[in-house]
Amino acid sequence: MATPDLDPLLLDPTRLSIVALLAGTEWAEFSWVRDSAGLSDSALSKQITNLANSGYVEVKTGYVGKRPRTWLNLSDSGHHALRAHVAALHRIVEQSQRADNAHRAEEPSD
């Protein structure tokens, strides 16, 4: 069963979780994403770097008062990649269900 529509970057559960979190928000604060995904600062930073280098996540830094802050946003290409990846996963499930139903139909009944 070929799955060319699966996005290799989103096969990693951590990156998929981050992208899914960002899909429902606009400019989420780094600490909220970190806490929601259950990651350390360094682990999230590494994953965000990978996603930003691929154009999936936009990163904006600034200050709230005197405190530095980082905000993250899922880009249009990130939204598109997530939708395509989820659609590919749905196709895999549907193919599996069809194969299972066909197999059950071929089984001899007792």
PDB file of N, CA and C in Angstrom:
ATOM      1  N   MET A   1       0.851  -1.170   0.000  1.00  0.00           N
ATOM      2  CA  MET A   1       0.000   0.000   0.000  1.00  0.00           C
ATOM      3  C   MET A   1       0.903   1.242   0.000  1.00  0.00           C
ATOM      4  N   ALA A   2       0.968   1.942  -1.097  1.00  0.00           N
ATOM      5  CA  ALA A   2       1.804   3.142  -1.211  1.00  0.00           C
ATOM      6  C   ALA A   2       1.124   4.325  -0.528  1.00  0.00           C
ATOM      7  N   THR A   3       1.924   5.142   0.152  1.00  0.00           N
ATOM      8  CA  THR A   3       1.383   6.312   0.857  1.00  0.00           C
ATOM      9  C   THR A   3       2.214   7.548   0.528  1.00  0.00           C
ATOM     10  N   PRO A   4       2.219   7.966  -0.738  1.00  0.00           N
ATOM     11  CA  PRO A   4       3.071   9.084  -1.120  1.00  0.00           C
ATOM     12  C   PRO A   4       2.616  10.428  -0.548  1.00  0.00           C
ATOM     13  N   ASP A   5       1.381  10.526  -0.079  1.00  0.00           N
ATOM     14  CA  ASP A   5       0.873  11.797   0.414  1.00  0.00           C
ATOM     15  C   ASP A   5       1.246  12.070   1.872  1.00  0.00           C
ATOM     16  N   LEU A   6       1.789  11.072   2.573  1.00  0.00           N
ATOM     17  CA  LEU A   6       2.210  11.308   3.953  1.00  0.00           C
ATOM     18  C   LEU A   6       3.415  12.249   3.947  1.00  0.00           C
ATOM     19  N   ASP A   7       3.380  13.220   4.821  1.00  0.00           N
ATOM     20  CA  ASP A   7       4.461  14.193   4.922  1.00  0.00           C
ATOM     21  C   ASP A   7       5.531  13.633   5.863  1.00  0.00           C
ATOM     22  N   PRO A   8       6.740  13.403   5.372  1.00  0.00           N
ATOM     23  CA  PRO A   8       7.783  12.821   6.220  1.00  0.00           C
ATOM     24  C   PRO A   8       8.055  13.642   7.485  1.00  0.00           C
ATOM     25  N   LEU A   9       7.947  14.941   7.398  1.00  0.00           N
ATOM     26  CA  LEU A   9       8.186  15.793   8.558  1.00  0.00           C
ATOM     27  C   LEU A   9       7.118  15.595   9.629  1.00  0.00           C
ATOM     28  N   LEU A  10       5.893  15.292   9.199  1.00  0.00           N
ATOM     29  CA  LEU A  10       4.790  15.139  10.146  1.00  0.00           C
ATOM     30  C   LEU A  10       4.606  13.700  10.621  1.00  0.00           C
ATOM     31  N   LEU A  11       5.459  12.792  10.180  1.00  0.00           N
ATOM     32  CA  LEU A  11       5.400  11.421  10.691  1.00  0.00           C
ATOM     33  C   LEU A  11       5.875  11.352  12.138  1.00  0.00           C
ATOM     34  N   ASP A  12       6.694  12.304  12.538  1.00  0.00           N
ATOM     35  CA  ASP A  12       7.153  12.363  13.921  1.00  0.00           C
ATOM     36  C   ASP A  12       5.995  12.824  14.809  1.00  0.00           C
ATOM     37  N   PRO A  13       5.618  12.040  15.820  1.00  0.00           N
ATOM     38  CA  PRO A  13       4.456  12.399  16.658  1.00  0.00           C
ATOM     39  C   PRO A  13       4.593  13.746  17.359  1.00  0.00           C
ATOM     40  N   THR A  14       5.808  14.116  17.739  1.00  0.00           N
ATOM     41  CA  THR A  14       6.000  15.398  18.415  1.00  0.00           C
ATOM     42  C   THR A  14       5.709  16.552  17.466  1.00  0.00           C
ATOM     43  N   ARG A  15       6.271  16.498  16.258  1.00  0.00           N
ATOM     44  CA  ARG A  15       6.015  17.570  15.294  1.00  0.00           C
ATOM     45  C   ARG A  15       4.553  17.606  14.884  1.00  0.00           C
ATOM     46  N   LEU A  16       3.940  16.438  14.720  1.00  0.00           N
ATOM     47  CA  LEU A  16       2.518  16.400  14.383  1.00  0.00           C
ATOM     48  C   LEU A  16       1.686  17.036  15.492  1.00  0.00           C
ATOM     49  N   SER A  17       2.026  16.768  16.737  1.00  0.00           N
ATOM     50  CA  SER A  17       1.308  17.369  17.870  1.00  0.00           C
ATOM     51  C   SER A  17       1.453  18.889  17.879  1.00  0.00           C
ATOM     52  N   ILE A  18       2.644  19.361  17.622  1.00  0.00           N
ATOM     53  CA  ILE A  18       2.883  20.807  17.606  1.00  0.00           C
ATOM     54  C   ILE A  18       2.072  21.466  16.498  1.00  0.00           C
ATOM     55  N   VAL A  19       2.121  20.902  15.314  1.00  0.00           N
ATOM     56  CA  VAL A  19       1.391  21.467  14.177  1.00  0.00           C
ATOM     57  C   VAL A  19      -0.112  21.433  14.446  1.00  0.00           C
ATOM     58  N   ALA A  20      -0.600  20.333  15.019  1.00  0.00           N
ATOM     59  CA  ALA A  20      -2.026  20.231  15.339  1.00  0.00           C
ATOM     60  C   ALA A  20      -2.434  21.272  16.381  1.00  0.00           C
ATOM     61  N   LEU A  21      -1.594  21.497  17.377  1.00  0.00           N
ATOM     62  CA  LEU A  21      -1.881  22.541  18.374  1.00  0.00           C
ATOM     63  C   LEU A  21      -1.954  23.914  17.709  1.00  0.00           C
ATOM     64  N   LEU A  22      -0.989  24.197  16.863  1.00  0.00           N
ATOM     65  CA  LEU A  22      -0.935  25.510  16.222  1.00  0.00           C
ATOM     66  C   LEU A  22      -2.057  25.711  15.206  1.00  0.00           C
ATOM     67  N   ALA A  23      -2.588  24.629  14.675  1.00  0.00           N
ATOM     68  CA  ALA A  23      -3.666  24.741  13.679  1.00  0.00           C
ATOM     69  C   ALA A  23      -4.911  25.384  14.272  1.00  0.00           C
ATOM     70  N   GLY A  24      -5.105  25.242  15.563  1.00  0.00           N
ATOM     71  CA  GLY A  24      -6.293  25.787  16.205  1.00  0.00           C
ATOM     72  C   GLY A  24      -6.078  27.145  16.844  1.00  0.00           C
ATOM     73  N   THR A  25      -4.914  27.744  16.617  1.00  0.00           N
ATOM     74  CA  THR A  25      -4.602  29.023  17.254  1.00  0.00           C
ATOM     75  C   THR A  25      -4.020  29.978  16.229  1.00  0.00           C
ATOM     76  N   GLU A  26      -3.802  31.185  16.676  1.00  0.00           N
ATOM     77  CA  GLU A  26      -3.062  32.157  15.879  1.00  0.00           C
ATOM     78  C   GLU A  26      -2.058  32.816  16.804  1.00  0.00           C
ATOM     79  N   TRP A  27      -0.798  32.706  16.478  1.00  0.00           N
ATOM     80  CA  TRP A  27       0.300  33.265  17.252  1.00  0.00           C
ATOM     81  C   TRP A  27       0.238  32.838  18.720  1.00  0.00           C
ATOM     82  N   ALA A  28       0.449  31.562  18.927  1.00  0.00           N
ATOM     83  CA  ALA A  28       0.477  31.003  20.278  1.00  0.00           C
ATOM     84  C   ALA A  28       1.823  31.297  20.929  1.00  0.00           C
ATOM     85  N   GLU A  29       1.787  31.548  22.217  1.00  0.00           N
ATOM     86  CA  GLU A  29       3.025  31.805  22.941  1.00  0.00           C
ATOM     87  C   GLU A  29       3.802  30.488  23.108  1.00  0.00           C
ATOM     88  N   PHE A  30       5.109  30.584  22.971  1.00  0.00           N
ATOM     89  CA  PHE A  30       6.006  29.436  23.059  1.00  0.00           C
ATOM     90  C   PHE A  30       5.716  28.602  24.303  1.00  0.00           C
ATOM     91  N   SER A  31       5.567  29.262  25.446  1.00  0.00           N
ATOM     92  CA  SER A  31       5.369  28.525  26.707  1.00  0.00           C
ATOM     93  C   SER A  31       4.059  27.742  26.703  1.00  0.00           C
ATOM     94  N   TRP A  32       3.018  28.268  26.050  1.00  0.00           N
ATOM     95  CA  TRP A  32       1.750  27.539  25.968  1.00  0.00           C
ATOM     96  C   TRP A  32       1.910  26.280  25.122  1.00  0.00           C
ATOM     97  N   VAL A  33       2.601  26.404  23.996  1.00  0.00           N
ATOM     98  CA  VAL A  33       2.836  25.241  23.133  1.00  0.00           C
ATOM     99  C   VAL A  33       3.697  24.222  23.875  1.00  0.00           C
ATOM    100  N   ARG A  34       4.744  24.694  24.546  1.00  0.00           N
ATOM    101  CA  ARG A  34       5.628  23.814  25.320  1.00  0.00           C
ATOM    102  C   ARG A  34       4.838  23.013  26.350  1.00  0.00           C
ATOM    103  N   ASP A  35       4.013  23.724  27.138  1.00  0.00           N
ATOM    104  CA  ASP A  35       3.241  23.058  28.186  1.00  0.00           C
ATOM    105  C   ASP A  35       2.173  22.141  27.604  1.00  0.00           C
ATOM    106  N   SER A  36       1.511  22.575  26.553  1.00  0.00           N
ATOM    107  CA  SER A  36       0.449  21.766  25.933  1.00  0.00           C
ATOM    108  C   SER A  36       0.994  20.497  25.300  1.00  0.00           C
ATOM    109  N   ALA A  37       2.189  20.590  24.732  1.00  0.00           N
ATOM    110  CA  ALA A  37       2.804  19.422  24.095  1.00  0.00           C
ATOM    111  C   ALA A  37       3.601  18.574  25.088  1.00  0.00           C
ATOM    112  N   GLY A  38       3.801  19.089  26.292  1.00  0.00           N
ATOM    113  CA  GLY A  38       4.546  18.351  27.309  1.00  0.00           C
ATOM    114  C   GLY A  38       6.022  18.217  26.985  1.00  0.00           C
ATOM    115  N   LEU A  39       6.610  19.291  26.464  1.00  0.00           N
ATOM    116  CA  LEU A  39       8.007  19.266  26.055  1.00  0.00           C
ATOM    117  C   LEU A  39       8.844  20.208  26.906  1.00  0.00           C
ATOM    118  N   SER A  40      10.138  20.002  26.864  1.00  0.00           N
ATOM    119  CA  SER A  40      11.063  20.955  27.479  1.00  0.00           C
ATOM    120  C   SER A  40      11.275  22.103  26.496  1.00  0.00           C
ATOM    121  N   ASP A  41      11.839  23.196  26.992  1.00  0.00           N
ATOM    122  CA  ASP A  41      12.153  24.331  26.114  1.00  0.00           C
ATOM    123  C   ASP A  41      13.049  23.899  24.958  1.00  0.00           C
ATOM    124  N   SER A  42      14.091  23.148  25.271  1.00  0.00           N
ATOM    125  CA  SER A  42      15.047  22.762  24.228  1.00  0.00           C
ATOM    126  C   SER A  42      14.425  21.800  23.211  1.00  0.00           C
ATOM    127  N   ALA A  43      13.598  20.868  23.680  1.00  0.00           N
ATOM    128  CA  ALA A  43      12.963  19.926  22.747  1.00  0.00           C
ATOM    129  C   ALA A  43      12.011  20.669  21.810  1.00  0.00           C
ATOM    130  N   LEU A  44      11.214  21.594  22.355  1.00  0.00           N
ATOM    131  CA  LEU A  44      10.301  22.355  21.507  1.00  0.00           C
ATOM    132  C   LEU A  44      11.088  23.238  20.546  1.00  0.00           C
ATOM    133  N   SER A  45      12.127  23.875  21.028  1.00  0.00           N
ATOM    134  CA  SER A  45      12.941  24.744  20.182  1.00  0.00           C
ATOM    135  C   SER A  45      13.509  23.975  18.992  1.00  0.00           C
ATOM    136  N   LYS A  46      13.998  22.774  19.239  1.00  0.00           N
ATOM    137  CA  LYS A  46      14.555  21.942  18.163  1.00  0.00           C
ATOM    138  C   LYS A  46      13.489  21.612  17.131  1.00  0.00           C
ATOM    139  N   GLN A  47      12.302  21.223  17.598  1.00  0.00           N
ATOM    140  CA  GLN A  47      11.232  20.864  16.666  1.00  0.00           C
ATOM    141  C   GLN A  47      10.733  22.088  15.890  1.00  0.00           C
ATOM    142  N   ILE A  48      10.646  23.229  16.564  1.00  0.00           N
ATOM    143  CA  ILE A  48      10.210  24.455  15.893  1.00  0.00           C
ATOM    144  C   ILE A  48      11.216  24.850  14.820  1.00  0.00           C
ATOM    145  N   THR A  49      12.492  24.670  15.093  1.00  0.00           N
ATOM    146  CA  THR A  49      13.513  24.965  14.088  1.00  0.00           C
ATOM    147  C   THR A  49      13.292  24.121  12.842  1.00  0.00           C
ATOM    148  N   ASN A  50      13.036  22.825  13.018  1.00  0.00           N
ATOM    149  CA  ASN A  50      12.772  21.934  11.878  1.00  0.00           C
ATOM    150  C   ASN A  50      11.536  22.388  11.106  1.00  0.00           C
ATOM    151  N   LEU A  51      10.474  22.704  11.837  1.00  0.00           N
ATOM    152  CA  LEU A  51       9.223  23.114  11.194  1.00  0.00           C
ATOM    153  C   LEU A  51       9.361  24.478  10.522  1.00  0.00           C
ATOM    154  N   ALA A  52      10.087  25.394  11.133  1.00  0.00           N
ATOM    155  CA  ALA A  52      10.289  26.726  10.548  1.00  0.00           C
ATOM    156  C   ALA A  52      11.166  26.642   9.303  1.00  0.00           C
ATOM    157  N   ASN A  53      12.190  25.798   9.341  1.00  0.00           N
ATOM    158  CA  ASN A  53      13.063  25.634   8.170  1.00  0.00           C
ATOM    159  C   ASN A  53      12.311  25.061   6.977  1.00  0.00           C
ATOM    160  N   SER A  54      11.244  24.316   7.242  1.00  0.00           N
ATOM    161  CA  SER A  54      10.416  23.764   6.175  1.00  0.00           C
ATOM    162  C   SER A  54       9.289  24.713   5.774  1.00  0.00           C
ATOM    163  N   GLY A  55       9.195  25.839   6.456  1.00  0.00           N
ATOM    164  CA  GLY A  55       8.167  26.818   6.117  1.00  0.00           C
ATOM    165  C   GLY A  55       6.811  26.543   6.724  1.00  0.00           C
ATOM    166  N   TYR A  56       6.736  25.603   7.659  1.00  0.00           N
ATOM    167  CA  TYR A  56       5.454  25.236   8.254  1.00  0.00           C
ATOM    168  C   TYR A  56       5.073  26.135   9.420  1.00  0.00           C
ATOM    169  N   VAL A  57       6.066  26.685  10.101  1.00  0.00           N
ATOM    170  CA  VAL A  57       5.808  27.498  11.293  1.00  0.00           C
ATOM    171  C   VAL A  57       6.521  28.838  11.147  1.00  0.00           C
ATOM    172  N   GLU A  58       5.821  29.883  11.546  1.00  0.00           N
ATOM    173  CA  GLU A  58       6.395  31.216  11.598  1.00  0.00           C
ATOM    174  C   GLU A  58       6.730  31.520  13.058  1.00  0.00           C
ATOM    175  N   VAL A  59       7.855  32.183  13.269  1.00  0.00           N
ATOM    176  CA  VAL A  59       8.308  32.503  14.615  1.00  0.00           C
ATOM    177  C   VAL A  59       8.464  34.019  14.718  1.00  0.00           C
ATOM    178  N   LYS A  60       7.898  34.571  15.777  1.00  0.00           N
ATOM    179  CA  LYS A  60       8.010  36.013  16.017  1.00  0.00           C
ATOM    180  C   LYS A  60       8.495  36.203  17.451  1.00  0.00           C
ATOM    181  N   THR A  61       9.498  37.037  17.620  1.00  0.00           N
ATOM    182  CA  THR A  61      10.003  37.323  18.960  1.00  0.00           C
ATOM    183  C   THR A  61       9.739  38.784  19.298  1.00  0.00           C
ATOM    184  N   GLY A  62       9.616  39.042  20.568  1.00  0.00           N
ATOM    185  CA  GLY A  62       9.375  40.402  21.031  1.00  0.00           C
ATOM    186  C   GLY A  62       9.435  40.440  22.542  1.00  0.00           C
ATOM    187  N   TYR A  63       8.878  41.474  23.086  1.00  0.00           N
ATOM    188  CA  TYR A  63       8.904  41.659  24.536  1.00  0.00           C
ATOM    189  C   TYR A  63       7.502  41.953  25.052  1.00  0.00           C
ATOM    190  N   VAL A  64       7.223  41.454  26.227  1.00  0.00           N
ATOM    191  CA  VAL A  64       6.052  41.849  27.001  1.00  0.00           C
ATOM    192  C   VAL A  64       6.634  42.519  28.230  1.00  0.00           C
ATOM    193  N   GLY A  65       6.538  43.838  28.252  1.00  0.00           N
ATOM    194  CA  GLY A  65       7.276  44.587  29.270  1.00  0.00           C
ATOM    195  C   GLY A  65       8.753  44.424  28.978  1.00  0.00           C
ATOM    196  N   LYS A  66       9.489  43.958  29.964  1.00  0.00           N
ATOM    197  CA  LYS A  66      10.923  43.745  29.771  1.00  0.00           C
ATOM    198  C   LYS A  66      11.256  42.272  29.546  1.00  0.00           C
ATOM    199  N   ARG A  67      10.224  41.449  29.481  1.00  0.00           N
ATOM    200  CA  ARG A  67      10.459  40.007  29.339  1.00  0.00           C
ATOM    201  C   ARG A  67      10.393  39.584  27.872  1.00  0.00           C
ATOM    202  N   PRO A  68      11.414  38.864  27.418  1.00  0.00           N
ATOM    203  CA  PRO A  68      11.383  38.382  26.035  1.00  0.00           C
ATOM    204  C   PRO A  68      10.321  37.291  25.868  1.00  0.00           C
ATOM    205  N   ARG A  69       9.679  37.298  24.727  1.00  0.00           N
ATOM    206  CA  ARG A  69       8.652  36.301  24.417  1.00  0.00           C
ATOM    207  C   ARG A  69       8.827  35.829  22.982  1.00  0.00           C
ATOM    208  N   THR A  70       8.397  34.602  22.745  1.00  0.00           N
ATOM    209  CA  THR A  70       8.401  34.031  21.404  1.00  0.00           C
ATOM    210  C   THR A  70       6.997  33.535  21.105  1.00  0.00           C
ATOM    211  N   TRP A  71       6.508  33.882  19.915  1.00  0.00           N
ATOM    212  CA  TRP A  71       5.184  33.430  19.479  1.00  0.00           C
ATOM    213  C   TRP A  71       5.354  32.581  18.231  1.00  0.00           C
ATOM    214  N   LEU A  72       4.464  31.610  18.111  1.00  0.00           N
ATOM    215  CA  LEU A  72       4.514  30.650  17.004  1.00  0.00           C
ATOM    216  C   LEU A  72       3.184  30.655  16.270  1.00  0.00           C
ATOM    217  N   ASN A  73       3.260  30.524  14.953  1.00  0.00           N
ATOM    218  CA  ASN A  73       2.060  30.507  14.133  1.00  0.00           C
ATOM    219  C   ASN A  73       2.229  29.469  13.027  1.00  0.00           C
ATOM    220  N   LEU A  74       1.185  28.733  12.746  1.00  0.00           N
ATOM    221  CA  LEU A  74       1.217  27.781  11.639  1.00  0.00           C
ATOM    222  C   LEU A  74       1.015  28.558  10.345  1.00  0.00           C
ATOM    223  N   SER A  75       1.942  28.447   9.429  1.00  0.00           N
ATOM    224  CA  SER A  75       1.872  29.174   8.160  1.00  0.00           C
ATOM    225  C   SER A  75       0.809  28.544   7.260  1.00  0.00           C
ATOM    226  N   ASP A  76       0.511  29.214   6.166  1.00  0.00           N
ATOM    227  CA  ASP A  76      -0.436  28.655   5.192  1.00  0.00           C
ATOM    228  C   ASP A  76       0.060  27.316   4.668  1.00  0.00           C
ATOM    229  N   SER A  77       1.360  27.211   4.390  1.00  0.00           N
ATOM    230  CA  SER A  77       1.886  25.930   3.904  1.00  0.00           C
ATOM    231  C   SER A  77       1.831  24.864   5.001  1.00  0.00           C
ATOM    232  N   GLY A  78       1.964  25.283   6.250  1.00  0.00           N
ATOM    233  CA  GLY A  78       1.815  24.342   7.363  1.00  0.00           C
ATOM    234  C   GLY A  78       0.397  23.828   7.474  1.00  0.00           C
ATOM    235  N   HIS A  79      -0.586  24.730   7.312  1.00  0.00           N
ATOM    236  CA  HIS A  79      -1.991  24.308   7.315  1.00  0.00           C
ATOM    237  C   HIS A  79      -2.253  23.323   6.175  1.00  0.00           C
ATOM    238  N   HIS A  80      -1.729  23.643   5.001  1.00  0.00           N
ATOM    239  CA  HIS A  80      -1.928  22.769   3.841  1.00  0.00           C
ATOM    240  C   HIS A  80      -1.277  21.397   4.078  1.00  0.00           C
ATOM    241  N   ALA A  81      -0.060  21.406   4.601  1.00  0.00           N
ATOM    242  CA  ALA A  81       0.645  20.145   4.861  1.00  0.00           C
ATOM    243  C   ALA A  81      -0.110  19.289   5.872  1.00  0.00           C
ATOM    244  N   LEU A  82      -0.639  19.917   6.919  1.00  0.00           N
ATOM    245  CA  LEU A  82      -1.393  19.164   7.924  1.00  0.00           C
ATOM    246  C   LEU A  82      -2.658  18.560   7.321  1.00  0.00           C
ATOM    247  N   ARG A  83      -3.388  19.358   6.549  1.00  0.00           N
ATOM    248  CA  ARG A  83      -4.616  18.839   5.926  1.00  0.00           C
ATOM    249  C   ARG A  83      -4.302  17.666   4.997  1.00  0.00           C
ATOM    250  N   ALA A  84      -3.248  17.799   4.186  1.00  0.00           N
ATOM    251  CA  ALA A  84      -2.877  16.729   3.258  1.00  0.00           C
ATOM    252  C   ALA A  84      -2.428  15.481   4.016  1.00  0.00           C
ATOM    253  N   HIS A  85      -1.683  15.665   5.088  1.00  0.00           N
ATOM    254  CA  HIS A  85      -1.197  14.535   5.886  1.00  0.00           C
ATOM    255  C   HIS A  85      -2.362  13.797   6.541  1.00  0.00           C
ATOM    256  N   VAL A  86      -3.297  14.545   7.128  1.00  0.00           N
ATOM    257  CA  VAL A  86      -4.464  13.930   7.771  1.00  0.00           C
ATOM    258  C   VAL A  86      -5.323  13.217   6.727  1.00  0.00           C
ATOM    259  N   ALA A  87      -5.480  13.819   5.560  1.00  0.00           N
ATOM    260  CA  ALA A  87      -6.253  13.165   4.488  1.00  0.00           C
ATOM    261  C   ALA A  87      -5.591  11.850   4.075  1.00  0.00           C
ATOM    262  N   ALA A  88      -4.265  11.837   4.000  1.00  0.00           N
ATOM    263  CA  ALA A  88      -3.546  10.603   3.661  1.00  0.00           C
ATOM    264  C   ALA A  88      -3.745   9.544   4.737  1.00  0.00           C
ATOM    265  N   LEU A  89      -3.732   9.950   6.000  1.00  0.00           N
ATOM    266  CA  LEU A  89      -3.993   9.004   7.089  1.00  0.00           C
ATOM    267  C   LEU A  89      -5.409   8.436   6.991  1.00  0.00           C
ATOM    268  N   HIS A  90      -6.373   9.284   6.657  1.00  0.00           N
ATOM    269  CA  HIS A  90      -7.750   8.816   6.483  1.00  0.00           C
ATOM    270  C   HIS A  90      -7.828   7.801   5.343  1.00  0.00           C
ATOM    271  N   ARG A  91      -7.114   8.061   4.243  1.00  0.00           N
ATOM    272  CA  ARG A  91      -7.128   7.108   3.124  1.00  0.00           C
ATOM    273  C   ARG A  91      -6.541   5.767   3.539  1.00  0.00           C
ATOM    274  N   ILE A  92      -5.496   5.786   4.350  1.00  0.00           N
ATOM    275  CA  ILE A  92      -4.896   4.536   4.825  1.00  0.00           C
ATOM    276  C   ILE A  92      -5.912   3.753   5.660  1.00  0.00           C
ATOM    277  N   VAL A  93      -6.607   4.436   6.549  1.00  0.00           N
ATOM    278  CA  VAL A  93      -7.612   3.780   7.390  1.00  0.00           C
ATOM    279  C   VAL A  93      -8.730   3.217   6.519  1.00  0.00           C
ATOM    280  N   GLU A  94      -9.191   3.996   5.557  1.00  0.00           N
ATOM    281  CA  GLU A  94     -10.267   3.518   4.675  1.00  0.00           C
ATOM    282  C   GLU A  94      -9.827   2.301   3.869  1.00  0.00           C
ATOM    283  N   GLN A  95      -8.598   2.327   3.341  1.00  0.00           N
ATOM    284  CA  GLN A  95      -8.082   1.177   2.591  1.00  0.00           C
ATOM    285  C   GLN A  95      -8.005  -0.052   3.483  1.00  0.00           C
ATOM    286  N   SER A  96      -7.572   0.147   4.701  1.00  0.00           N
ATOM    287  CA  SER A  96      -7.469  -0.956   5.645  1.00  0.00           C
ATOM    288  C   SER A  96      -8.848  -1.535   5.956  1.00  0.00           C
ATOM    289  N   GLN A  97      -9.809  -0.664   6.155  1.00  0.00           N
ATOM    290  CA  GLN A  97     -11.167  -1.132   6.446  1.00  0.00           C
ATOM    291  C   GLN A  97     -11.754  -1.887   5.255  1.00  0.00           C
ATOM    292  N   ARG A  98     -11.522  -1.383   4.041  1.00  0.00           N
ATOM    293  CA  ARG A  98     -12.018  -2.090   2.851  1.00  0.00           C
ATOM    294  C   ARG A  98     -11.361  -3.459   2.720  1.00  0.00           C
ATOM    295  N   ALA A  99     -10.061  -3.521   2.972  1.00  0.00           N
ATOM    296  CA  ALA A  99      -9.354  -4.797   2.886  1.00  0.00           C
ATOM    297  C   ALA A  99      -9.868  -5.767   3.943  1.00  0.00           C
ATOM    298  N   ASP A 100     -10.123  -5.259   5.144  1.00  0.00           N
ATOM    299  CA  ASP A 100     -10.649  -6.103   6.217  1.00  0.00           C
ATOM    300  C   ASP A 100     -12.038  -6.609   5.863  1.00  0.00           C
ATOM    301  N   ASN A 101     -12.880  -5.741   5.340  1.00  0.00           N
ATOM    302  CA  ASN A 101     -14.229  -6.161   4.945  1.00  0.00           C
ATOM    303  C   ASN A 101     -14.188  -7.191   3.828  1.00  0.00           C
ATOM    304  N   ALA A 102     -13.297  -7.019   2.859  1.00  0.00           N
ATOM    305  CA  ALA A 102     -13.160  -7.977   1.763  1.00  0.00           C
ATOM    306  C   ALA A 102     -12.666  -9.316   2.295  1.00  0.00           C
ATOM    307  N   HIS A 103     -11.734  -9.275   3.222  1.00  0.00           N
ATOM    308  CA  HIS A 103     -11.202 -10.507   3.812  1.00  0.00           C
ATOM    309  C   HIS A 103     -12.294 -11.250   4.584  1.00  0.00           C
ATOM    310  N   ARG A 104     -13.099 -10.518   5.343  1.00  0.00           N
ATOM    311  CA  ARG A 104     -14.175 -11.133   6.107  1.00  0.00           C
ATOM    312  C   ARG A 104     -15.230 -11.744   5.189  1.00  0.00           C
ATOM    313  N   ALA A 105     -15.477 -11.096   4.058  1.00  0.00           N
ATOM    314  CA  ALA A 105     -16.462 -11.609   3.107  1.00  0.00           C
ATOM    315  C   ALA A 105     -15.993 -12.922   2.479  1.00  0.00           C
ATOM    316  N   GLU A 106     -14.681 -13.110   2.392  1.00  0.00           N
ATOM    317  CA  GLU A 106     -14.126 -14.328   1.798  1.00  0.00           C
ATOM    318  C   GLU A 106     -14.040 -15.484   2.786  1.00  0.00           C
ATOM    319  N   GLU A 107     -14.125 -15.199   4.096  1.00  0.00           N
ATOM    320  CA  GLU A 107     -14.004 -16.252   5.104  1.00  0.00           C
ATOM    321  C   GLU A 107     -15.208 -17.183   5.023  1.00  0.00           C
ATOM    322  N   PRO A 108     -14.959 -18.469   5.146  1.00  0.00           N
ATOM    323  CA  PRO A 108     -16.088 -19.402   5.155  1.00  0.00           C
ATOM    324  C   PRO A 108     -16.904 -19.257   6.450  1.00  0.00           C
ATOM    325  N   SER A 109     -18.181 -19.341   6.309  1.00  0.00           N
ATOM    326  CA  SER A 109     -19.030 -19.234   7.509  1.00  0.00           C
ATOM    327  C   SER A 109     -19.197 -20.626   8.117  1.00  0.00           C
ATOM    328  N   ASP A 110     -19.327 -20.679   9.420  1.00  0.00           N
ATOM    329  CA  ASP A 110     -19.478 -21.960  10.125  1.00  0.00           C
ATOM    330  C   ASP A 110     -20.888 -22.437  10.134  1.00  0.00           C
TER     331      ASP A 110
END
